[in-house]
Amino acid sequence: MSLILSLPVWVVVLSLVLEGLALAQAAPQISSTLELILDKLKEFGKALKDKALAAIESIKQSDIPAKTQNWFSKTFNKGKERLKITFS
């Protein structure tokens, strides 16, 4: 009777011991994988930052901001004139 009860206990203990070793052996792989992911994210962030700065600099050097500002100014002045004419 005691042999029947002790056999499942040994199976559980053996499975826990083997699983514990597998997890302990997998821990360095997980940490190295996480470090690799963090390095890739840093590289991605740096590349994204460089591209965004290059795009902003390109927009600053083009004449698009000046043209846009002129268009808004003209449109706003036309609207003000129409309001003056309508309500005077």
PDB file of N, CA and C in Angstrom:
ATOM      1  N   MET A   1       0.815  -1.193   0.000  1.00  0.00           N
ATOM      2  CA  MET A   1       0.000   0.000   0.000  1.00  0.00           C
ATOM      3  C   MET A   1       0.855   1.252   0.000  1.00  0.00           C
ATOM      4  N   SER A   2       1.919   1.254   0.786  1.00  0.00           N
ATOM      5  CA  SER A   2       2.778   2.437   0.841  1.00  0.00           C
ATOM      6  C   SER A   2       3.535   2.626  -0.470  1.00  0.00           C
ATOM      7  N   LEU A   3       3.841   1.537  -1.173  1.00  0.00           N
ATOM      8  CA  LEU A   3       4.495   1.638  -2.473  1.00  0.00           C
ATOM      9  C   LEU A   3       3.586   2.301  -3.487  1.00  0.00           C
ATOM     10  N   ILE A   4       2.314   2.030  -3.455  1.00  0.00           N
ATOM     11  CA  ILE A   4       1.349   2.626  -4.373  1.00  0.00           C
ATOM     12  C   ILE A   4       1.223   4.126  -4.114  1.00  0.00           C
ATOM     13  N   LEU A   5       1.269   4.540  -2.849  1.00  0.00           N
ATOM     14  CA  LEU A   5       1.162   5.955  -2.518  1.00  0.00           C
ATOM     15  C   LEU A   5       2.465   6.707  -2.782  1.00  0.00           C
ATOM     16  N   SER A   6       3.594   6.048  -2.584  1.00  0.00           N
ATOM     17  CA  SER A   6       4.861   6.741  -2.749  1.00  0.00           C
ATOM     18  C   SER A   6       5.252   6.909  -4.218  1.00  0.00           C
ATOM     19  N   LEU A   7       4.765   6.064  -5.094  1.00  0.00           N
ATOM     20  CA  LEU A   7       5.097   6.164  -6.514  1.00  0.00           C
ATOM     21  C   LEU A   7       4.611   7.482  -7.125  1.00  0.00           C
ATOM     22  N   PRO A   8       3.355   7.919  -6.906  1.00  0.00           N
ATOM     23  CA  PRO A   8       2.939   9.223  -7.446  1.00  0.00           C
ATOM     24  C   PRO A   8       3.718  10.389  -6.831  1.00  0.00           C
ATOM     25  N   VAL A   9       4.083  10.251  -5.568  1.00  0.00           N
ATOM     26  CA  VAL A   9       4.868  11.309  -4.925  1.00  0.00           C
ATOM     27  C   VAL A   9       6.220  11.427  -5.599  1.00  0.00           C
ATOM     28  N   TRP A  10       6.870  10.322  -5.887  1.00  0.00           N
ATOM     29  CA  TRP A  10       8.171  10.343  -6.562  1.00  0.00           C
ATOM     30  C   TRP A  10       8.055  10.910  -7.985  1.00  0.00           C
ATOM     31  N   VAL A  11       6.979  10.594  -8.662  1.00  0.00           N
ATOM     32  CA  VAL A  11       6.764  11.114 -10.016  1.00  0.00           C
ATOM     33  C   VAL A  11       6.622  12.636  -9.975  1.00  0.00           C
ATOM     34  N   VAL A  12       5.862  13.136  -9.013  1.00  0.00           N
ATOM     35  CA  VAL A  12       5.686  14.585  -8.891  1.00  0.00           C
ATOM     36  C   VAL A  12       6.997  15.255  -8.526  1.00  0.00           C
ATOM     37  N   VAL A  13       7.733  14.699  -7.578  1.00  0.00           N
ATOM     38  CA  VAL A  13       9.022  15.275  -7.175  1.00  0.00           C
ATOM     39  C   VAL A  13      10.000  15.262  -8.333  1.00  0.00           C
ATOM     40  N   LEU A  14      10.058  14.172  -9.042  1.00  0.00           N
ATOM     41  CA  LEU A  14      10.962  14.064 -10.179  1.00  0.00           C
ATOM     42  C   LEU A  14      10.598  15.072 -11.274  1.00  0.00           C
ATOM     43  N   SER A  15       9.308  15.234 -11.543  1.00  0.00           N
ATOM     44  CA  SER A  15       8.891  16.202 -12.570  1.00  0.00           C
ATOM     45  C   SER A  15       9.218  17.630 -12.150  1.00  0.00           C
ATOM     46  N   LEU A  16       9.048  17.940 -10.863  1.00  0.00           N
ATOM     47  CA  LEU A  16       9.383  19.282 -10.380  1.00  0.00           C
ATOM     48  C   LEU A  16      10.882  19.549 -10.463  1.00  0.00           C
ATOM     49  N   VAL A  17      11.675  18.555 -10.116  1.00  0.00           N
ATOM     50  CA  VAL A  17      13.129  18.715 -10.182  1.00  0.00           C
ATOM     51  C   VAL A  17      13.577  18.916 -11.621  1.00  0.00           C
ATOM     52  N   LEU A  18      13.073  18.115 -12.528  1.00  0.00           N
ATOM     53  CA  LEU A  18      13.471  18.244 -13.931  1.00  0.00           C
ATOM     54  C   LEU A  18      12.970  19.551 -14.536  1.00  0.00           C
ATOM     55  N   GLU A  19      11.775  19.949 -14.172  1.00  0.00           N
ATOM     56  CA  GLU A  19      11.242  21.217 -14.676  1.00  0.00           C
ATOM     57  C   GLU A  19      12.035  22.390 -14.117  1.00  0.00           C
ATOM     58  N   GLY A  20      12.430  22.302 -12.866  1.00  0.00           N
ATOM     59  CA  GLY A  20      13.233  23.359 -12.256  1.00  0.00           C
ATOM     60  C   GLY A  20      14.564  23.516 -12.958  1.00  0.00           C
ATOM     61  N   LEU A  21      15.191  22.412 -13.330  1.00  0.00           N
ATOM     62  CA  LEU A  21      16.453  22.492 -14.055  1.00  0.00           C
ATOM     63  C   LEU A  21      16.256  23.112 -15.432  1.00  0.00           C
ATOM     64  N   ALA A  22      15.183  22.749 -16.087  1.00  0.00           N
ATOM     65  CA  ALA A  22      14.926  23.295 -17.417  1.00  0.00           C
ATOM     66  C   ALA A  22      14.704  24.799 -17.345  1.00  0.00           C
ATOM     67  N   LEU A  23      13.974  25.259 -16.325  1.00  0.00           N
ATOM     68  CA  LEU A  23      13.749  26.692 -16.188  1.00  0.00           C
ATOM     69  C   LEU A  23      15.042  27.417 -15.848  1.00  0.00           C
ATOM     70  N   ALA A  24      15.859  26.804 -15.010  1.00  0.00           N
ATOM     71  CA  ALA A  24      17.121  27.443 -14.645  1.00  0.00           C
ATOM     72  C   ALA A  24      18.057  27.528 -15.855  1.00  0.00           C
ATOM     73  N   GLN A  25      18.031  26.519 -16.698  1.00  0.00           N
ATOM     74  CA  GLN A  25      18.878  26.543 -17.886  1.00  0.00           C
ATOM     75  C   GLN A  25      18.344  27.518 -18.922  1.00  0.00           C
ATOM     76  N   ALA A  26      17.023  27.730 -18.942  1.00  0.00           N
ATOM     77  CA  ALA A  26      16.428  28.627 -19.928  1.00  0.00           C
ATOM     78  C   ALA A  26      16.564  30.088 -19.525  1.00  0.00           C
ATOM     79  N   ALA A  27      16.828  30.369 -18.273  1.00  0.00           N
ATOM     80  CA  ALA A  27      16.903  31.753 -17.793  1.00  0.00           C
ATOM     81  C   ALA A  27      17.960  32.582 -18.522  1.00  0.00           C
ATOM     82  N   PRO A  28      19.175  32.084 -18.741  1.00  0.00           N
ATOM     83  CA  PRO A  28      20.141  32.904 -19.481  1.00  0.00           C
ATOM     84  C   PRO A  28      19.698  33.192 -20.912  1.00  0.00           C
ATOM     85  N   GLN A  29      19.010  32.249 -21.540  1.00  0.00           N
ATOM     86  CA  GLN A  29      18.535  32.477 -22.896  1.00  0.00           C
ATOM     87  C   GLN A  29      17.475  33.560 -22.914  1.00  0.00           C
ATOM     88  N   ILE A  30      16.612  33.562 -21.923  1.00  0.00           N
ATOM     89  CA  ILE A  30      15.554  34.566 -21.860  1.00  0.00           C
ATOM     90  C   ILE A  30      16.151  35.946 -21.632  1.00  0.00           C
ATOM     91  N   SER A  31      17.120  36.041 -20.727  1.00  0.00           N
ATOM     92  CA  SER A  31      17.721  37.349 -20.456  1.00  0.00           C
ATOM     93  C   SER A  31      18.496  37.859 -21.668  1.00  0.00           C
ATOM     94  N   SER A  32      19.187  36.978 -22.365  1.00  0.00           N
ATOM     95  CA  SER A  32      19.914  37.424 -23.552  1.00  0.00           C
ATOM     96  C   SER A  32      18.944  37.834 -24.654  1.00  0.00           C
ATOM     97  N   THR A  33      17.825  37.140 -24.741  1.00  0.00           N
ATOM     98  CA  THR A  33      16.803  37.509 -25.725  1.00  0.00           C
ATOM     99  C   THR A  33      16.208  38.872 -25.398  1.00  0.00           C
ATOM    100  N   LEU A  34      15.938  39.112 -24.119  1.00  0.00           N
ATOM    101  CA  LEU A  34      15.414  40.416 -23.709  1.00  0.00           C
ATOM    102  C   LEU A  34      16.416  41.530 -23.983  1.00  0.00           C
ATOM    103  N   GLU A  35      17.695  41.272 -23.724  1.00  0.00           N
ATOM    104  CA  GLU A  35      18.728  42.268 -24.023  1.00  0.00           C
ATOM    105  C   GLU A  35      18.788  42.546 -25.519  1.00  0.00           C
ATOM    106  N   LEU A  36      18.658  41.514 -26.319  1.00  0.00           N
ATOM    107  CA  LEU A  36      18.675  41.677 -27.768  1.00  0.00           C
ATOM    108  C   LEU A  36      17.481  42.504 -28.230  1.00  0.00           C
ATOM    109  N   ILE A  37      16.313  42.238 -27.647  1.00  0.00           N
ATOM    110  CA  ILE A  37      15.116  43.004 -28.004  1.00  0.00           C
ATOM    111  C   ILE A  37      15.290  44.465 -27.613  1.00  0.00           C
ATOM    112  N   LEU A  38      15.836  44.715 -26.430  1.00  0.00           N
ATOM    113  CA  LEU A  38      16.057  46.093 -25.986  1.00  0.00           C
ATOM    114  C   LEU A  38      17.047  46.821 -26.905  1.00  0.00           C
ATOM    115  N   ASP A  39      18.094  46.120 -27.313  1.00  0.00           N
ATOM    116  CA  ASP A  39      19.056  46.729 -28.235  1.00  0.00           C
ATOM    117  C   ASP A  39      18.405  47.073 -29.565  1.00  0.00           C
ATOM    118  N   LYS A  40      17.571  46.170 -30.066  1.00  0.00           N
ATOM    119  CA  LYS A  40      16.875  46.423 -31.336  1.00  0.00           C
ATOM    120  C   LYS A  40      15.921  47.608 -31.195  1.00  0.00           C
ATOM    121  N   LEU A  41      15.226  47.706 -30.057  1.00  0.00           N
ATOM    122  CA  LEU A  41      14.327  48.837 -29.841  1.00  0.00           C
ATOM    123  C   LEU A  41      15.092  50.154 -29.770  1.00  0.00           C
ATOM    124  N   LYS A  42      16.262  50.127 -29.145  1.00  0.00           N
ATOM    125  CA  LYS A  42      17.080  51.338 -29.082  1.00  0.00           C
ATOM    126  C   LYS A  42      17.528  51.760 -30.479  1.00  0.00           C
ATOM    127  N   GLU A  43      17.959  50.791 -31.278  1.00  0.00           N
ATOM    128  CA  GLU A  43      18.371  51.086 -32.649  1.00  0.00           C
ATOM    129  C   GLU A  43      17.202  51.645 -33.458  1.00  0.00           C
ATOM    130  N   PHE A  44      16.024  51.050 -33.291  1.00  0.00           N
ATOM    131  CA  PHE A  44      14.833  51.519 -34.001  1.00  0.00           C
ATOM    132  C   PHE A  44      14.493  52.939 -33.597  1.00  0.00           C
ATOM    133  N   GLY A  45      14.543  53.224 -32.298  1.00  0.00           N
ATOM    134  CA  GLY A  45      14.256  54.568 -31.810  1.00  0.00           C
ATOM    135  C   GLY A  45      15.243  55.587 -32.342  1.00  0.00           C
ATOM    136  N   LYS A  46      16.512  55.208 -32.386  1.00  0.00           N
ATOM    137  CA  LYS A  46      17.544  56.118 -32.894  1.00  0.00           C
ATOM    138  C   LYS A  46      17.330  56.392 -34.384  1.00  0.00           C
ATOM    139  N   ALA A  47      17.027  55.352 -35.144  1.00  0.00           N
ATOM    140  CA  ALA A  47      16.785  55.521 -36.580  1.00  0.00           C
ATOM    141  C   ALA A  47      15.544  56.376 -36.819  1.00  0.00           C
ATOM    142  N   LEU A  48      14.499  56.151 -36.040  1.00  0.00           N
ATOM    143  CA  LEU A  48      13.274  56.935 -36.165  1.00  0.00           C
ATOM    144  C   LEU A  48      13.523  58.399 -35.834  1.00  0.00           C
ATOM    145  N   LYS A  49      14.303  58.644 -34.803  1.00  0.00           N
ATOM    146  CA  LYS A  49      14.641  60.017 -34.414  1.00  0.00           C
ATOM    147  C   LYS A  49      15.416  60.709 -35.535  1.00  0.00           C
ATOM    148  N   ASP A  50      16.408  60.016 -36.095  1.00  0.00           N
ATOM    149  CA  ASP A  50      17.205  60.597 -37.173  1.00  0.00           C
ATOM    150  C   ASP A  50      16.347  60.927 -38.396  1.00  0.00           C
ATOM    151  N   LYS A  51      15.440  60.018 -38.742  1.00  0.00           N
ATOM    152  CA  LYS A  51      14.576  60.255 -39.896  1.00  0.00           C
ATOM    153  C   LYS A  51      13.612  61.411 -39.648  1.00  0.00           C
ATOM    154  N   ALA A  52      13.089  61.497 -38.422  1.00  0.00           N
ATOM    155  CA  ALA A  52      12.170  62.593 -38.099  1.00  0.00           C
ATOM    156  C   ALA A  52      12.903  63.933 -38.144  1.00  0.00           C
ATOM    157  N   LEU A  53      14.105  63.982 -37.601  1.00  0.00           N
ATOM    158  CA  LEU A  53      14.878  65.224 -37.635  1.00  0.00           C
ATOM    159  C   LEU A  53      15.225  65.621 -39.065  1.00  0.00           C
ATOM    160  N   ALA A  54      15.553  64.645 -39.896  1.00  0.00           N
ATOM    161  CA  ALA A  54      15.863  64.929 -41.298  1.00  0.00           C
ATOM    162  C   ALA A  54      14.618  65.456 -42.016  1.00  0.00           C
ATOM    163  N   ALA A  55      13.454  64.885 -41.737  1.00  0.00           N
ATOM    164  CA  ALA A  55      12.218  65.350 -42.373  1.00  0.00           C
ATOM    165  C   ALA A  55      11.878  66.769 -41.925  1.00  0.00           C
ATOM    166  N   ILE A  56      12.037  67.053 -40.645  1.00  0.00           N
ATOM    167  CA  ILE A  56      11.762  68.402 -40.141  1.00  0.00           C
ATOM    168  C   ILE A  56      12.720  69.413 -40.761  1.00  0.00           C
ATOM    169  N   GLU A  57      13.970  69.045 -40.862  1.00  0.00           N
ATOM    170  CA  GLU A  57      14.958  69.954 -41.467  1.00  0.00           C
ATOM    171  C   GLU A  57      14.643  70.189 -42.939  1.00  0.00           C
ATOM    172  N   SER A  58      14.195  69.148 -43.623  1.00  0.00           N
ATOM    173  CA  SER A  58      13.829  69.282 -45.032  1.00  0.00           C
ATOM    174  C   SER A  58      12.642  70.229 -45.191  1.00  0.00           C
ATOM    175  N   ILE A  59      11.669  70.124 -44.293  1.00  0.00           N
ATOM    176  CA  ILE A  59      10.502  71.014 -44.355  1.00  0.00           C
ATOM    177  C   ILE A  59      10.910  72.450 -44.056  1.00  0.00           C
ATOM    178  N   LYS A  60      11.807  72.623 -43.098  1.00  0.00           N
ATOM    179  CA  LYS A  60      12.259  73.975 -42.754  1.00  0.00           C
ATOM    180  C   LYS A  60      12.972  74.642 -43.917  1.00  0.00           C
ATOM    181  N   GLN A  61      13.729  73.864 -44.679  1.00  0.00           N
ATOM    182  CA  GLN A  61      14.501  74.430 -45.781  1.00  0.00           C
ATOM    183  C   GLN A  61      13.646  74.649 -47.036  1.00  0.00           C
ATOM    184  N   SER A  62      12.511  74.023 -47.115  1.00  0.00           N
ATOM    185  CA  SER A  62      11.666  74.209 -48.292  1.00  0.00           C
ATOM    186  C   SER A  62      10.842  75.481 -48.141  1.00  0.00           C
ATOM    187  N   ASP A  63      10.152  75.857 -49.205  1.00  0.00           N
ATOM    188  CA  ASP A  63       9.341  77.073 -49.167  1.00  0.00           C
ATOM    189  C   ASP A  63       7.881  76.771 -48.802  1.00  0.00           C
ATOM    190  N   ILE A  64       7.579  75.554 -48.424  1.00  0.00           N
ATOM    191  CA  ILE A  64       6.212  75.182 -48.057  1.00  0.00           C
ATOM    192  C   ILE A  64       5.710  75.967 -46.846  1.00  0.00           C
ATOM    193  N   PRO A  65       6.484  76.111 -45.768  1.00  0.00           N
ATOM    194  CA  PRO A  65       5.957  76.873 -44.626  1.00  0.00           C
ATOM    195  C   PRO A  65       5.631  78.330 -44.978  1.00  0.00           C
ATOM    196  N   ALA A  66       6.483  78.950 -45.775  1.00  0.00           N
ATOM    197  CA  ALA A  66       6.234  80.344 -46.153  1.00  0.00           C
ATOM    198  C   ALA A  66       4.969  80.450 -47.013  1.00  0.00           C
ATOM    199  N   LYS A  67       4.813  79.551 -47.977  1.00  0.00           N
ATOM    200  CA  LYS A  67       3.626  79.567 -48.826  1.00  0.00           C
ATOM    201  C   LYS A  67       2.361  79.315 -48.004  1.00  0.00           C
ATOM    202  N   THR A  68       2.444  78.393 -47.065  1.00  0.00           N
ATOM    203  CA  THR A  68       1.292  78.090 -46.225  1.00  0.00           C
ATOM    204  C   THR A  68       0.920  79.290 -45.368  1.00  0.00           C
ATOM    205  N   GLN A  69       1.917  79.928 -44.790  1.00  0.00           N
ATOM    206  CA  GLN A  69       1.653  81.097 -43.958  1.00  0.00           C
ATOM    207  C   GLN A  69       1.030  82.223 -44.789  1.00  0.00           C
ATOM    208  N   ASN A  70       1.547  82.441 -45.989  1.00  0.00           N
ATOM    209  CA  ASN A  70       0.980  83.466 -46.863  1.00  0.00           C
ATOM    210  C   ASN A  70      -0.474  83.143 -47.231  1.00  0.00           C
ATOM    211  N   TRP A  71      -0.749  81.892 -47.542  1.00  0.00           N
ATOM    212  CA  TRP A  71      -2.107  81.497 -47.900  1.00  0.00           C
ATOM    213  C   TRP A  71      -3.071  81.732 -46.743  1.00  0.00           C
ATOM    214  N   PHE A  72      -2.655  81.317 -45.525  1.00  0.00           N
ATOM    215  CA  PHE A  72      -3.512  81.544 -44.362  1.00  0.00           C
ATOM    216  C   PHE A  72      -3.722  83.028 -44.104  1.00  0.00           C
ATOM    217  N   SER A  73      -2.675  83.819 -44.245  1.00  0.00           N
ATOM    218  CA  SER A  73      -2.806  85.268 -44.027  1.00  0.00           C
ATOM    219  C   SER A  73      -3.781  85.879 -45.026  1.00  0.00           C
ATOM    220  N   LYS A  74      -3.643  85.543 -46.293  1.00  0.00           N
ATOM    221  CA  LYS A  74      -4.535  86.074 -47.324  1.00  0.00           C
ATOM    222  C   LYS A  74      -5.980  85.648 -47.067  1.00  0.00           C
ATOM    223  N   THR A  75      -6.172  84.370 -46.737  1.00  0.00           N
ATOM    224  CA  THR A  75      -7.521  83.866 -46.484  1.00  0.00           C
ATOM    225  C   THR A  75      -8.136  84.544 -45.266  1.00  0.00           C
ATOM    226  N   PHE A  76      -7.347  84.721 -44.219  1.00  0.00           N
ATOM    227  CA  PHE A  76      -7.846  85.375 -43.006  1.00  0.00           C
ATOM    228  C   PHE A  76      -8.208  86.837 -43.284  1.00  0.00           C
ATOM    229  N   ASN A  77      -7.361  87.528 -44.035  1.00  0.00           N
ATOM    230  CA  ASN A  77      -7.649  88.928 -44.370  1.00  0.00           C
ATOM    231  C   ASN A  77      -8.904  89.051 -45.236  1.00  0.00           C
ATOM    232  N   LYS A  78      -9.084  88.130 -46.181  1.00  0.00           N
ATOM    233  CA  LYS A  78     -10.294  88.140 -47.002  1.00  0.00           C
ATOM    234  C   LYS A  78     -11.527  87.932 -46.130  1.00  0.00           C
ATOM    235  N   GLY A  79     -11.442  87.029 -45.183  1.00  0.00           N
ATOM    236  CA  GLY A  79     -12.556  86.784 -44.275  1.00  0.00           C
ATOM    237  C   GLY A  79     -12.867  88.006 -43.425  1.00  0.00           C
ATOM    238  N   LYS A  80     -11.833  88.692 -42.941  1.00  0.00           N
ATOM    239  CA  LYS A  80     -12.044  89.910 -42.149  1.00  0.00           C
ATOM    240  C   LYS A  80     -12.724  90.992 -42.987  1.00  0.00           C
ATOM    241  N   GLU A  81     -12.278  91.148 -44.226  1.00  0.00           N
ATOM    242  CA  GLU A  81     -12.875  92.149 -45.116  1.00  0.00           C
ATOM    243  C   GLU A  81     -14.338  91.829 -45.392  1.00  0.00           C
ATOM    244  N   ARG A  82     -14.652  90.581 -45.634  1.00  0.00           N
ATOM    245  CA  ARG A  82     -16.039  90.194 -45.884  1.00  0.00           C
ATOM    246  C   ARG A  82     -16.917  90.458 -44.662  1.00  0.00           C
ATOM    247  N   LEU A  83     -16.376  90.184 -43.474  1.00  0.00           N
ATOM    248  CA  LEU A  83     -17.142  90.450 -42.249  1.00  0.00           C
ATOM    249  C   LEU A  83     -17.367  91.964 -42.071  1.00  0.00           C
ATOM    250  N   LYS A  84     -16.346  92.759 -42.386  1.00  0.00           N
ATOM    251  CA  LYS A  84     -16.484  94.222 -42.269  1.00  0.00           C
ATOM    252  C   LYS A  84     -17.560  94.716 -43.226  1.00  0.00           C
ATOM    253  N   ILE A  85     -17.522  94.204 -44.466  1.00  0.00           N
ATOM    254  CA  ILE A  85     -18.500  94.630 -45.467  1.00  0.00           C
ATOM    255  C   ILE A  85     -19.899  94.155 -45.067  1.00  0.00           C
ATOM    256  N   THR A  86     -20.023  92.956 -44.577  1.00  0.00           N
ATOM    257  CA  THR A  86     -21.329  92.406 -44.233  1.00  0.00           C
ATOM    258  C   THR A  86     -21.946  93.130 -43.045  1.00  0.00           C
ATOM    259  N   PHE A  87     -21.166  93.419 -42.017  1.00  0.00           N
ATOM    260  CA  PHE A  87     -21.709  93.982 -40.796  1.00  0.00           C
ATOM    261  C   PHE A  87     -21.539  95.500 -40.683  1.00  0.00           C
ATOM    262  N   SER A  88     -21.142  96.203 -41.745  1.00  0.00           N
ATOM    263  CA  SER A  88     -21.019  97.651 -41.639  1.00  0.00           C
ATOM    264  C   SER A  88     -22.166  98.374 -42.293  1.00  0.00           C
TER     265      SER A  88
END
